[in-house]
C-alpha atoms as a PDB file:
ATOM      1  CA  UNK A   1     -29.950 -71.146 171.914  1.00  0.00           C
ATOM      2  CA  UNK A   2     -27.914 -71.992 174.638  1.00  0.00           C
ATOM      3  CA  UNK A   3     -24.393 -72.303 173.616  1.00  0.00           C
ATOM      4  CA  UNK A   4     -23.477 -75.522 174.013  1.00  0.00           C
ATOM      5  CA  UNK A   5     -26.463 -76.756 172.269  1.00  0.00           C
ATOM      6  CA  UNK A   6     -25.270 -74.451 169.137  1.00  0.00           C
ATOM      7  CA  UNK A   7     -21.776 -75.513 169.475  1.00  0.00           C
ATOM      8  CA  UNK A   8     -22.908 -79.500 169.435  1.00  0.00           C
ATOM      9  CA  UNK A   9     -25.105 -79.091 166.345  1.00  0.00           C
ATOM     10  CA  UNK A  10     -22.422 -76.948 164.544  1.00  0.00           C
ATOM     11  CA  UNK A  11     -20.009 -79.672 165.455  1.00  0.00           C
ATOM     12  CA  UNK A  12     -22.374 -82.299 164.350  1.00  0.00           C
ATOM     13  CA  UNK A  13     -23.169 -80.846 160.951  1.00  0.00           C
ATOM     14  CA  UNK A  14     -19.325 -79.583 159.925  1.00  0.00           C
ATOM     15  CA  UNK A  15     -16.809 -81.070 162.572  1.00  0.00           C
ATOM     16  CA  UNK A  16     -15.708 -83.317 159.871  1.00  0.00           C
ATOM     17  CA  UNK A  17     -14.442 -80.426 158.135  1.00  0.00           C
ATOM     18  CA  UNK A  18     -12.148 -79.629 160.811  1.00  0.00           C
ATOM     19  CA  UNK A  19      -8.573 -80.986 160.893  1.00  0.00           C
ATOM     20  CA  UNK A  20      -8.216 -84.180 162.779  1.00  0.00           C
ATOM     21  CA  UNK A  21      -6.176 -81.905 165.393  1.00  0.00           C
ATOM     22  CA  UNK A  22      -8.771 -79.645 165.761  1.00  0.00           C
ATOM     23  CA  UNK A  23     -10.998 -82.068 166.188  1.00  0.00           C
ATOM     24  CA  UNK A  24      -9.586 -83.635 168.972  1.00  0.00           C
ATOM     25  CA  UNK A  25      -8.650 -80.576 170.813  1.00  0.00           C
ATOM     26  CA  UNK A  26     -12.784 -78.803 170.400  1.00  0.00           C
ATOM     27  CA  UNK A  27     -13.989 -82.221 171.684  1.00  0.00           C
ATOM     28  CA  UNK A  28     -11.467 -82.419 174.329  1.00  0.00           C
ATOM     29  CA  UNK A  29     -12.852 -78.747 175.745  1.00  0.00           C
ATOM     30  CA  UNK A  30     -16.297 -78.637 174.503  1.00  0.00           C
ATOM     31  CA  UNK A  31     -17.460 -82.292 174.921  1.00  0.00           C
ATOM     32  CA  UNK A  32     -15.497 -83.807 177.619  1.00  0.00           C
ATOM     33  CA  UNK A  33     -15.243 -80.544 179.774  1.00  0.00           C
ATOM     34  CA  UNK A  34     -11.529 -80.225 179.993  1.00  0.00           C
ATOM     35  CA  UNK A  35      -9.920 -77.236 181.212  1.00  0.00           C
ATOM     36  CA  UNK A  36      -7.989 -75.587 178.498  1.00  0.00           C
ATOM     37  CA  UNK A  37      -4.833 -76.326 180.796  1.00  0.00           C
ATOM     38  CA  UNK A  38      -5.978 -79.835 180.701  1.00  0.00           C
ATOM     39  CA  UNK A  39      -6.263 -80.040 177.034  1.00  0.00           C
ATOM     40  CA  UNK A  40      -2.932 -78.319 176.693  1.00  0.00           C
ATOM     41  CA  UNK A  41      -1.152 -80.675 178.732  1.00  0.00           C
ATOM     42  CA  UNK A  42      -2.879 -83.687 177.178  1.00  0.00           C
ATOM     43  CA  UNK A  43      -1.858 -82.407 173.922  1.00  0.00           C
ATOM     44  CA  UNK A  44       1.335 -80.890 174.774  1.00  0.00           C
ATOM     45  CA  UNK A  45       0.459 -77.339 173.518  1.00  0.00           C
ATOM     46  CA  UNK A  46      -0.008 -74.245 175.472  1.00  0.00           C
ATOM     47  CA  UNK A  47      -2.905 -73.056 177.179  1.00  0.00           C
ATOM     48  CA  UNK A  48      -2.887 -70.266 174.944  1.00  0.00           C
ATOM     49  CA  UNK A  49      -2.660 -72.232 172.165  1.00  0.00           C
ATOM     50  CA  UNK A  50      -5.694 -74.358 173.061  1.00  0.00           C
ATOM     51  CA  UNK A  51      -7.744 -71.160 173.637  1.00  0.00           C
ATOM     52  CA  UNK A  52      -6.945 -69.913 170.505  1.00  0.00           C
ATOM     53  CA  UNK A  53      -7.829 -73.271 168.527  1.00  0.00           C
ATOM     54  CA  UNK A  54     -11.486 -73.354 170.135  1.00  0.00           C
ATOM     55  CA  UNK A  55     -11.752 -69.796 169.171  1.00  0.00           C
ATOM     56  CA  UNK A  56     -11.010 -70.597 165.803  1.00  0.00           C
ATOM     57  CA  UNK A  57     -12.835 -73.777 165.904  1.00  0.00           C
ATOM     58  CA  UNK A  58     -16.096 -71.957 166.837  1.00  0.00           C
ATOM     59  CA  UNK A  59     -15.658 -69.436 164.122  1.00  0.00           C
ATOM     60  CA  UNK A  60     -14.756 -71.718 161.386  1.00  0.00           C
ATOM     61  CA  UNK A  61     -18.149 -73.682 162.329  1.00  0.00           C
ATOM     62  CA  UNK A  62     -20.205 -70.516 162.216  1.00  0.00           C
ATOM     63  CA  UNK A  63     -18.663 -69.336 159.093  1.00  0.00           C
ATOM     64  CA  UNK A  64     -19.734 -72.867 157.520  1.00  0.00           C
ATOM     65  CA  UNK A  65     -23.357 -72.351 158.858  1.00  0.00           C
ATOM     66  CA  UNK A  66     -23.414 -68.762 157.387  1.00  0.00           C
ATOM     67  CA  UNK A  67     -22.919 -70.140 153.952  1.00  0.00           C
ATOM     68  CA  UNK A  68     -24.437 -73.220 154.383  1.00  0.00           C
ATOM     69  CA  UNK A  69     -27.413 -72.757 156.776  1.00  0.00           C
ATOM     70  CA  UNK A  70     -27.620 -76.654 157.425  1.00  0.00           C
ATOM     71  CA  UNK A  71     -28.167 -76.380 160.967  1.00  0.00           C
ATOM     72  CA  UNK A  72     -31.218 -73.803 160.694  1.00  0.00           C
ATOM     73  CA  UNK A  73     -32.774 -75.931 157.803  1.00  0.00           C
ATOM     74  CA  UNK A  74     -32.559 -78.961 160.355  1.00  0.00           C
ATOM     75  CA  UNK A  75     -34.043 -76.432 163.058  1.00  0.00           C
ATOM     76  CA  UNK A  76     -36.844 -75.453 161.088  1.00  0.00           C
ATOM     77  CA  UNK A  77     -37.289 -79.124 159.839  1.00  0.00           C
ATOM     78  CA  UNK A  78     -37.707 -80.365 163.548  1.00  0.00           C
ATOM     79  CA  UNK A  79     -40.485 -77.576 164.386  1.00  0.00           C
ATOM     80  CA  UNK A  80     -42.527 -78.342 161.146  1.00  0.00           C
ATOM     81  CA  UNK A  81     -42.145 -82.185 162.188  1.00  0.00           C
ATOM     82  CA  UNK A  82     -43.586 -81.078 165.789  1.00  0.00           C
ATOM     83  CA  UNK A  83     -46.131 -79.326 164.135  1.00  0.00           C
ATOM     84  CA  UNK A  84     -47.473 -81.859 161.679  1.00  0.00           C
ATOM     85  CA  UNK A  85     -47.332 -84.093 164.699  1.00  0.00           C
ATOM     86  CA  UNK A  86     -49.444 -81.995 166.624  1.00  0.00           C
ATOM     87  CA  UNK A  87     -52.039 -81.405 163.874  1.00  0.00           C
ATOM     88  CA  UNK A  88     -52.165 -85.479 163.107  1.00  0.00           C
ATOM     89  CA  UNK A  89     -53.413 -85.721 166.678  1.00  0.00           C
ATOM     90  CA  UNK A  90     -56.111 -83.534 166.577  1.00  0.00           C
ATOM     91  CA  UNK A  91     -57.235 -84.732 163.384  1.00  0.00           C
ATOM     92  CA  UNK A  92     -57.580 -88.288 165.009  1.00  0.00           C
ATOM     93  CA  UNK A  93     -59.581 -86.311 167.984  1.00  0.00           C
ATOM     94  CA  UNK A  94     -62.058 -84.140 165.541  1.00  0.00           C
ATOM     95  CA  UNK A  95     -61.505 -85.804 161.971  1.00  0.00           C
ATOM     96  CA  UNK A  96     -61.590 -82.460 160.659  1.00  0.00           C
ATOM     97  CA  UNK A  97     -60.656 -82.491 157.216  1.00  0.00           C
ATOM     98  CA  UNK A  98     -58.772 -78.934 157.138  1.00  0.00           C
ATOM     99  CA  UNK A  99     -56.342 -80.310 158.937  1.00  0.00           C
ATOM    100  CA  UNK A 100     -55.354 -82.769 156.276  1.00  0.00           C
ATOM    101  CA  UNK A 101     -54.641 -79.556 153.969  1.00  0.00           C
ATOM    102  CA  UNK A 102     -52.789 -77.891 156.529  1.00  0.00           C
ATOM    103  CA  UNK A 103     -50.297 -81.002 157.345  1.00  0.00           C
ATOM    104  CA  UNK A 104     -49.870 -81.537 153.461  1.00  0.00           C
ATOM    105  CA  UNK A 105     -49.000 -77.443 152.932  1.00  0.00           C
ATOM    106  CA  UNK A 106     -46.261 -78.038 156.271  1.00  0.00           C
ATOM    107  CA  UNK A 107     -44.849 -81.011 154.604  1.00  0.00           C
ATOM    108  CA  UNK A 108     -44.552 -79.146 150.975  1.00  0.00           C
ATOM    109  CA  UNK A 109     -42.759 -76.474 153.078  1.00  0.00           C
ATOM    110  CA  UNK A 110     -40.414 -78.801 154.538  1.00  0.00           C
ATOM    111  CA  UNK A 111     -39.709 -80.268 151.051  1.00  0.00           C
ATOM    112  CA  UNK A 112     -38.545 -76.965 149.945  1.00  0.00           C
ATOM    113  CA  UNK A 113     -36.043 -76.313 152.419  1.00  0.00           C
END
Protein backbone atom coordinates (compact mmCIF):
# COMPACT_ATOMS: atom_id res chain seq x y z
CA UNK A 1 0.00 0.00 0.00
CA UNK A 2 1.27 3.46 -0.85
CA UNK A 3 2.66 5.24 2.22
CA UNK A 4 0.36 8.28 2.06
CA UNK A 5 -2.71 6.04 1.67
CA UNK A 6 -1.59 3.96 4.63
CA UNK A 7 -0.95 7.08 6.73
CA UNK A 8 -4.35 8.46 5.80
CA UNK A 9 -6.18 5.27 6.71
CA UNK A 10 -4.32 4.90 9.99
CA UNK A 11 -5.05 8.53 10.85
CA UNK A 12 -8.72 8.17 9.87
CA UNK A 13 -9.13 5.23 12.22
CA UNK A 14 -6.85 6.18 15.10
CA UNK A 15 -6.05 9.88 14.75
CA UNK A 16 -8.44 10.88 17.51
CA UNK A 17 -6.25 8.93 19.92
CA UNK A 18 -3.37 11.36 19.35
CA UNK A 19 -3.01 14.55 21.39
CA UNK A 20 -4.24 17.81 19.86
CA UNK A 21 -0.65 18.95 19.34
CA UNK A 22 0.29 15.68 17.64
CA UNK A 23 -2.79 15.89 15.39
CA UNK A 24 -2.09 19.48 14.32
CA UNK A 25 1.55 18.84 13.45
CA UNK A 26 0.77 15.51 11.78
CA UNK A 27 -1.97 17.10 9.65
CA UNK A 28 0.32 19.99 8.70
CA UNK A 29 3.06 17.68 7.44
CA UNK A 30 1.14 14.69 6.08
CA UNK A 31 -2.07 16.24 4.77
CA UNK A 32 -1.22 19.90 4.21
CA UNK A 33 2.18 19.02 2.72
CA UNK A 34 4.15 21.47 4.84
CA UNK A 35 7.87 20.80 5.16
CA UNK A 36 9.27 20.00 8.59
CA UNK A 37 10.76 23.50 8.65
CA UNK A 38 7.45 25.16 7.75
CA UNK A 39 5.53 23.13 10.34
CA UNK A 40 8.21 23.87 12.95
CA UNK A 41 8.03 27.60 12.29
CA UNK A 42 4.23 27.58 12.40
CA UNK A 43 4.12 25.63 15.68
CA UNK A 44 7.11 27.26 17.36
CA UNK A 45 9.15 24.09 17.70
CA UNK A 46 12.35 22.84 16.10
CA UNK A 47 12.55 21.08 12.74
CA UNK A 48 13.99 18.05 14.56
CA UNK A 49 11.05 18.20 16.97
CA UNK A 50 8.63 18.00 14.04
CA UNK A 51 10.59 15.12 12.52
CA UNK A 52 10.57 13.21 15.81
CA UNK A 53 6.88 13.90 16.39
CA UNK A 54 5.89 12.62 12.92
CA UNK A 55 8.00 9.52 13.43
CA UNK A 56 6.43 8.97 16.87
CA UNK A 57 2.89 9.49 15.53
CA UNK A 58 3.48 7.00 12.71
CA UNK A 59 4.73 4.47 15.25
CA UNK A 60 1.76 5.11 17.59
CA UNK A 61 -0.78 4.75 14.76
CA UNK A 62 0.90 1.57 13.53
CA UNK A 63 0.87 0.12 17.06
CA UNK A 64 -2.86 0.76 17.34
CA UNK A 65 -3.37 -1.04 14.04
CA UNK A 66 -1.27 -3.99 15.19
CA UNK A 67 -3.40 -4.29 18.33
CA UNK A 68 -6.84 -3.55 16.88
CA UNK A 69 -6.58 -4.35 13.17
CA UNK A 70 -9.37 -1.98 12.15
CA UNK A 71 -7.73 -0.85 8.91
CA UNK A 72 -7.08 -4.45 7.88
CA UNK A 73 -10.72 -5.37 8.61
CA UNK A 74 -11.91 -2.33 6.68
CA UNK A 75 -9.80 -3.21 3.63
CA UNK A 76 -10.89 -6.85 3.75
CA UNK A 77 -14.53 -5.77 3.97
CA UNK A 78 -14.05 -3.46 0.99
CA UNK A 79 -12.68 -6.35 -1.07
CA UNK A 80 -15.56 -8.61 -0.05
CA UNK A 81 -18.11 -5.93 -1.00
CA UNK A 82 -16.46 -5.56 -4.41
CA UNK A 83 -16.66 -9.32 -4.85
CA UNK A 84 -20.36 -9.32 -3.90
CA UNK A 85 -21.00 -6.48 -6.35
CA UNK A 86 -19.25 -8.38 -9.12
CA UNK A 87 -21.20 -11.57 -8.38
CA UNK A 88 -24.47 -9.63 -8.30
CA UNK A 89 -23.73 -8.16 -11.72
CA UNK A 90 -22.89 -11.60 -13.05
CA UNK A 91 -26.12 -12.98 -11.55
CA UNK A 92 -28.16 -10.31 -13.35
CA UNK A 93 -26.68 -11.52 -16.63
CA UNK A 94 -26.85 -15.28 -16.06
CA UNK A 95 -29.38 -15.85 -13.26
CA UNK A 96 -27.09 -18.66 -12.07
CA UNK A 97 -28.50 -19.61 -8.63
CA UNK A 98 -25.06 -20.80 -7.48
CA UNK A 99 -23.98 -17.16 -7.41
CA UNK A 100 -26.61 -16.40 -4.74
CA UNK A 101 -25.03 -19.00 -2.47
CA UNK A 102 -21.59 -17.50 -3.08
CA UNK A 103 -22.93 -14.01 -2.25
CA UNK A 104 -24.47 -15.35 0.96
CA UNK A 105 -21.19 -17.06 1.85
CA UNK A 106 -19.21 -13.84 1.38
CA UNK A 107 -21.80 -11.89 3.37
CA UNK A 108 -21.37 -14.38 6.19
CA UNK A 109 -17.59 -13.90 6.05
CA UNK A 110 -18.04 -10.14 6.37
CA UNK A 111 -20.24 -10.55 9.43
CA UNK A 112 -17.44 -12.49 11.15
CA UNK A 113 -14.70 -9.91 10.52
